[in-house]
Amino acid sequence: MFKICKKLKIDKIKILILLFLFIFLCSFYYKNPNINSIKIDKFLADHLNYNTVFGNYRFKQLIEKSLNKDINALIEIKNVDCGGGSYCYSLGYVITQIIKRIGEQEFIKIYEQMPKKDQKEIIHFIYAGLEYGDNDYDGKMDNEKIENVYPNLYKIVHQNND
């Protein structure tokens, strides 16, 4: 590399400074894996390549559209390759934050329009997000239950399963 620089008459120091500056700027980009105040767990963000320079644009779009009450985005967000295990708990946490932002009643309207298969799948993510997520933002897992946090949704879910 430095031979090329010599031919182009570029100082090694300038190249090193530019390289350092690039790395430094990229490190700032990595700091905040959130979108519209929806917290993205670091491990899920890493799995989705969310924090790379180009990021996971589709995942960001799904969150934004879900916050705008787009039924297809909410259905699709549960189909994101979350990597299995605790990463999927983190995806559940993203979904519970979306519900918190749009409100339980608005989510119920969307939920009732979903095909039964999608309803069943998204509910599993909600259970995980409430139990393992930090929905009150105190830095600890909440271990919440759907019947306590979203009682109206709980009634609808169990009414449909009976």
C-alpha atoms as a PDB file:
ATOM      1  CA  MET A   1       0.000   0.000   0.000  1.00  0.00           C
ATOM      2  CA  PHE A   2       2.761   2.425   0.890  1.00  0.00           C
ATOM      3  CA  LYS A   3       4.501   1.733  -2.463  1.00  0.00           C
ATOM      4  CA  ILE A   4       1.392   2.991  -4.220  1.00  0.00           C
ATOM      5  CA  CYS A   5       1.374   6.034  -1.961  1.00  0.00           C
ATOM      6  CA  LYS A   6       5.001   6.697  -2.844  1.00  0.00           C
ATOM      7  CA  LYS A   7       4.177   6.621  -6.553  1.00  0.00           C
ATOM      8  CA  LEU A   8       1.262   8.972  -5.960  1.00  0.00           C
ATOM      9  CA  LYS A   9       3.444  11.125  -3.693  1.00  0.00           C
ATOM     10  CA  ILE A  10       1.104  10.802  -0.740  1.00  0.00           C
ATOM     11  CA  ASP A  11       2.602  10.945   2.721  1.00  0.00           C
ATOM     12  CA  LYS A  12       2.337   7.865   4.905  1.00  0.00           C
ATOM     13  CA  ILE A  13       1.297  10.165   7.726  1.00  0.00           C
ATOM     14  CA  LYS A  14      -1.638  11.534   5.720  1.00  0.00           C
ATOM     15  CA  ILE A  15      -2.811   8.013   4.928  1.00  0.00           C
ATOM     16  CA  LEU A  16      -2.572   6.982   8.570  1.00  0.00           C
ATOM     17  CA  ILE A  17      -4.424  10.108   9.684  1.00  0.00           C
ATOM     18  CA  LEU A  18      -7.211   9.468   7.169  1.00  0.00           C
ATOM     19  CA  LEU A  19      -7.438   5.831   8.215  1.00  0.00           C
ATOM     20  CA  PHE A  20      -7.595   6.780  11.894  1.00  0.00           C
ATOM     21  CA  LEU A  21     -10.235   9.431  11.169  1.00  0.00           C
ATOM     22  CA  PHE A  22     -12.354   6.907   9.251  1.00  0.00           C
ATOM     23  CA  ILE A  23     -12.190   4.367  12.092  1.00  0.00           C
ATOM     24  CA  PHE A  24     -12.929   7.077  14.650  1.00  0.00           C
ATOM     25  CA  LEU A  25     -16.020   8.283  12.761  1.00  0.00           C
ATOM     26  CA  CYS A  26     -17.291   4.740  12.233  1.00  0.00           C
ATOM     27  CA  SER A  27     -17.064   4.076  15.963  1.00  0.00           C
ATOM     28  CA  PHE A  28     -19.529   6.914  16.615  1.00  0.00           C
ATOM     29  CA  TYR A  29     -21.984   5.430  14.169  1.00  0.00           C
ATOM     30  CA  TYR A  30     -22.035   2.198  16.179  1.00  0.00           C
ATOM     31  CA  LYS A  31     -23.007   3.776  19.487  1.00  0.00           C
ATOM     32  CA  ASN A  32     -26.783   4.072  19.191  1.00  0.00           C
ATOM     33  CA  PRO A  33     -28.677   1.049  17.872  1.00  0.00           C
ATOM     34  CA  ASN A  34     -32.079   2.668  18.427  1.00  0.00           C
ATOM     35  CA  ILE A  35     -34.680   3.999  16.067  1.00  0.00           C
ATOM     36  CA  ASN A  36     -37.415   6.457  16.991  1.00  0.00           C
ATOM     37  CA  SER A  37     -36.719   5.755  20.691  1.00  0.00           C
ATOM     38  CA  ILE A  38     -37.210   1.999  20.207  1.00  0.00           C
ATOM     39  CA  LYS A  39     -34.262   0.351  21.928  1.00  0.00           C
ATOM     40  CA  ILE A  40     -32.526  -2.380  19.966  1.00  0.00           C
ATOM     41  CA  ASP A  41     -30.593  -4.842  22.113  1.00  0.00           C
ATOM     42  CA  LYS A  42     -26.890  -4.837  21.218  1.00  0.00           C
ATOM     43  CA  PHE A  43     -26.826  -8.573  20.481  1.00  0.00           C
ATOM     44  CA  LEU A  44     -29.860  -8.415  18.192  1.00  0.00           C
ATOM     45  CA  ALA A  45     -28.409  -5.328  16.504  1.00  0.00           C
ATOM     46  CA  ASP A  46     -25.131  -7.170  15.934  1.00  0.00           C
ATOM     47  CA  HIS A  47     -26.951 -10.225  14.558  1.00  0.00           C
ATOM     48  CA  LEU A  48     -28.919  -8.062  12.127  1.00  0.00           C
ATOM     49  CA  ASN A  49     -25.802  -6.085  11.141  1.00  0.00           C
ATOM     50  CA  TYR A  50     -27.873  -3.119  12.280  1.00  0.00           C
ATOM     51  CA  ASN A  51     -24.857  -1.097  13.376  1.00  0.00           C
ATOM     52  CA  THR A  52     -22.803  -1.382  10.224  1.00  0.00           C
ATOM     53  CA  VAL A  53     -22.308   1.634   8.012  1.00  0.00           C
ATOM     54  CA  PHE A  54     -25.143   0.510   5.746  1.00  0.00           C
ATOM     55  CA  GLY A  55     -27.113  -1.053   8.589  1.00  0.00           C
ATOM     56  CA  ASN A  56     -30.140  -3.244   8.243  1.00  0.00           C
ATOM     57  CA  TYR A  57     -32.249  -0.720   6.382  1.00  0.00           C
ATOM     58  CA  ARG A  58     -35.206  -3.109   6.075  1.00  0.00           C
ATOM     59  CA  PHE A  59     -35.409  -3.631   9.857  1.00  0.00           C
ATOM     60  CA  LYS A  60     -35.311   0.131  10.425  1.00  0.00           C
ATOM     61  CA  GLN A  61     -38.103   0.545   7.871  1.00  0.00           C
ATOM     62  CA  LEU A  62     -40.233  -2.116   9.551  1.00  0.00           C
ATOM     63  CA  ILE A  63     -39.939  -0.374  12.908  1.00  0.00           C
ATOM     64  CA  GLU A  64     -40.864   3.002  11.427  1.00  0.00           C
ATOM     65  CA  LYS A  65     -43.824   1.549   9.525  1.00  0.00           C
ATOM     66  CA  SER A  66     -44.971  -0.389  12.598  1.00  0.00           C
ATOM     67  CA  LEU A  67     -44.957   2.832  14.598  1.00  0.00           C
ATOM     68  CA  ASN A  68     -47.218   4.224  11.861  1.00  0.00           C
ATOM     69  CA  LYS A  69     -49.594   1.284  12.449  1.00  0.00           C
ATOM     70  CA  ASP A  70     -48.800  -0.579   9.238  1.00  0.00           C
ATOM     71  CA  ILE A  71     -50.250  -4.088   9.635  1.00  0.00           C
ATOM     72  CA  ASN A  72     -47.927  -5.609   7.032  1.00  0.00           C
ATOM     73  CA  ALA A  73     -44.863  -4.203   8.794  1.00  0.00           C
ATOM     74  CA  LEU A  74     -46.005  -5.643  12.126  1.00  0.00           C
ATOM     75  CA  ILE A  75     -46.560  -9.019  10.504  1.00  0.00           C
ATOM     76  CA  GLU A  76     -43.208  -8.868   8.747  1.00  0.00           C
ATOM     77  CA  ILE A  77     -41.234  -7.698  11.788  1.00  0.00           C
ATOM     78  CA  LYS A  78     -41.992 -10.970  13.562  1.00  0.00           C
ATOM     79  CA  ASN A  79     -40.526 -12.809  10.566  1.00  0.00           C
ATOM     80  CA  VAL A  80     -37.154 -11.065  10.834  1.00  0.00           C
ATOM     81  CA  ASP A  81     -34.343 -13.593  11.256  1.00  0.00           C
ATOM     82  CA  CYS A  82     -33.675 -12.922  14.918  1.00  0.00           C
ATOM     83  CA  GLY A  83     -31.063 -15.663  15.238  1.00  0.00           C
ATOM     84  CA  GLY A  84     -32.966 -17.841  17.700  1.00  0.00           C
ATOM     85  CA  GLY A  85     -32.857 -17.983  21.485  1.00  0.00           C
ATOM     86  CA  SER A  86     -32.345 -14.783  23.421  1.00  0.00           C
ATOM     87  CA  TYR A  87     -32.042 -12.758  20.215  1.00  0.00           C
ATOM     88  CA  CYS A  88     -35.706 -13.543  19.591  1.00  0.00           C
ATOM     89  CA  TYR A  89     -36.557 -12.388  23.114  1.00  0.00           C
ATOM     90  CA  SER A  90     -34.938  -9.120  22.074  1.00  0.00           C
ATOM     91  CA  LEU A  91     -37.150  -8.991  18.988  1.00  0.00           C
ATOM     92  CA  GLY A  92     -40.122  -9.501  21.306  1.00  0.00           C
ATOM     93  CA  TYR A  93     -38.875  -6.536  23.308  1.00  0.00           C
ATOM     94  CA  VAL A  94     -38.839  -4.419  20.137  1.00  0.00           C
ATOM     95  CA  ILE A  95     -42.468  -5.439  19.497  1.00  0.00           C
ATOM     96  CA  THR A  96     -43.577  -4.606  23.065  1.00  0.00           C
ATOM     97  CA  GLN A  97     -41.963  -1.181  22.761  1.00  0.00           C
ATOM     98  CA  ILE A  98     -43.899  -0.609  19.535  1.00  0.00           C
ATOM     99  CA  ILE A  99     -47.135  -1.559  21.321  1.00  0.00           C
ATOM    100  CA  LYS A 100     -46.268   0.804  24.160  1.00  0.00           C
ATOM    101  CA  ARG A 101     -45.736   3.632  21.664  1.00  0.00           C
ATOM    102  CA  ILE A 102     -48.869   3.099  19.550  1.00  0.00           C
ATOM    103  CA  GLY A 103     -51.063   2.074  22.478  1.00  0.00           C
ATOM    104  CA  GLU A 104     -52.802  -1.163  23.385  1.00  0.00           C
ATOM    105  CA  GLN A 105     -56.116  -0.242  21.713  1.00  0.00           C
ATOM    106  CA  GLU A 106     -54.455   0.696  18.420  1.00  0.00           C
ATOM    107  CA  PHE A 107     -52.430  -2.511  18.489  1.00  0.00           C
ATOM    108  CA  ILE A 108     -55.597  -4.532  19.136  1.00  0.00           C
ATOM    109  CA  LYS A 109     -57.212  -3.013  16.022  1.00  0.00           C
ATOM    110  CA  ILE A 110     -54.200  -4.132  13.984  1.00  0.00           C
ATOM    111  CA  TYR A 111     -53.973  -7.510  15.734  1.00  0.00           C
ATOM    112  CA  GLU A 112     -57.610  -8.323  14.957  1.00  0.00           C
ATOM    113  CA  GLN A 113     -56.952  -7.770  11.233  1.00  0.00           C
ATOM    114  CA  MET A 114     -54.023 -10.217  11.198  1.00  0.00           C
ATOM    115  CA  PRO A 115     -54.444 -13.783   9.972  1.00  0.00           C
ATOM    116  CA  LYS A 116     -54.791 -16.237  12.891  1.00  0.00           C
ATOM    117  CA  LYS A 117     -51.372 -17.761  12.187  1.00  0.00           C
ATOM    118  CA  ASP A 118     -49.698 -14.357  12.481  1.00  0.00           C
ATOM    119  CA  GLN A 119     -51.680 -13.542  15.618  1.00  0.00           C
ATOM    120  CA  LYS A 120     -50.402 -16.678  17.333  1.00  0.00           C
ATOM    121  CA  GLU A 121     -46.807 -16.016  16.313  1.00  0.00           C
ATOM    122  CA  ILE A 122     -46.710 -12.370  17.338  1.00  0.00           C
ATOM    123  CA  ILE A 123     -48.234 -13.163  20.737  1.00  0.00           C
ATOM    124  CA  HIS A 124     -45.282 -15.442  21.529  1.00  0.00           C
ATOM    125  CA  PHE A 125     -42.926 -12.543  20.838  1.00  0.00           C
ATOM    126  CA  ILE A 126     -45.023 -10.283  23.071  1.00  0.00           C
ATOM    127  CA  TYR A 127     -44.866 -12.792  25.931  1.00  0.00           C
ATOM    128  CA  ALA A 128     -41.074 -12.960  25.575  1.00  0.00           C
ATOM    129  CA  GLY A 129     -40.691  -9.199  25.212  1.00  0.00           C
ATOM    130  CA  LEU A 130     -42.679  -8.540  28.371  1.00  0.00           C
ATOM    131  CA  GLU A 131     -40.889 -11.181  30.397  1.00  0.00           C
ATOM    132  CA  TYR A 132     -37.317 -10.528  29.286  1.00  0.00           C
ATOM    133  CA  GLY A 133     -37.439  -6.923  28.061  1.00  0.00           C
ATOM    134  CA  ASP A 134     -36.783  -3.741  30.005  1.00  0.00           C
ATOM    135  CA  ASN A 135     -40.104  -2.091  29.205  1.00  0.00           C
ATOM    136  CA  ASP A 136     -39.888   0.346  32.114  1.00  0.00           C
ATOM    137  CA  TYR A 137     -36.303   1.301  31.139  1.00  0.00           C
ATOM    138  CA  ASP A 138     -34.820   0.729  34.590  1.00  0.00           C
ATOM    139  CA  GLY A 139     -31.984  -1.477  33.319  1.00  0.00           C
ATOM    140  CA  LYS A 140     -33.523  -4.768  34.541  1.00  0.00           C
ATOM    141  CA  MET A 141     -35.645  -7.509  32.992  1.00  0.00           C
ATOM    142  CA  ASP A 142     -39.272  -6.826  33.867  1.00  0.00           C
ATOM    143  CA  ASN A 143     -40.689 -10.359  34.130  1.00  0.00           C
ATOM    144  CA  GLU A 144     -44.098  -8.909  33.250  1.00  0.00           C
ATOM    145  CA  LYS A 145     -47.165 -10.851  32.170  1.00  0.00           C
ATOM    146  CA  ILE A 146     -49.441  -9.905  29.292  1.00  0.00           C
ATOM    147  CA  GLU A 147     -52.548 -10.033  31.496  1.00  0.00           C
ATOM    148  CA  ASN A 148     -51.080  -7.301  33.729  1.00  0.00           C
ATOM    149  CA  VAL A 149     -49.622  -5.031  31.059  1.00  0.00           C
ATOM    150  CA  TYR A 150     -52.133  -5.460  28.220  1.00  0.00           C
ATOM    151  CA  PRO A 151     -55.316  -6.820  29.863  1.00  0.00           C
ATOM    152  CA  ASN A 152     -57.554  -6.052  26.876  1.00  0.00           C
ATOM    153  CA  LEU A 153     -55.205  -7.808  24.464  1.00  0.00           C
ATOM    154  CA  TYR A 154     -54.990 -10.740  26.895  1.00  0.00           C
ATOM    155  CA  LYS A 155     -58.804 -11.089  26.878  1.00  0.00           C
ATOM    156  CA  ILE A 156     -58.906 -11.078  23.083  1.00  0.00           C
ATOM    157  CA  VAL A 157     -56.082 -13.611  22.787  1.00  0.00           C
ATOM    158  CA  HIS A 158     -57.746 -16.021  25.200  1.00  0.00           C
ATOM    159  CA  GLN A 159     -61.199 -15.420  23.756  1.00  0.00           C
ATOM    160  CA  ASN A 160     -59.857 -16.413  20.309  1.00  0.00           C
ATOM    161  CA  ASN A 161     -58.128 -19.514  21.705  1.00  0.00           C
ATOM    162  CA  ASP A 162     -61.211 -20.883  23.464  1.00  0.00           C
END
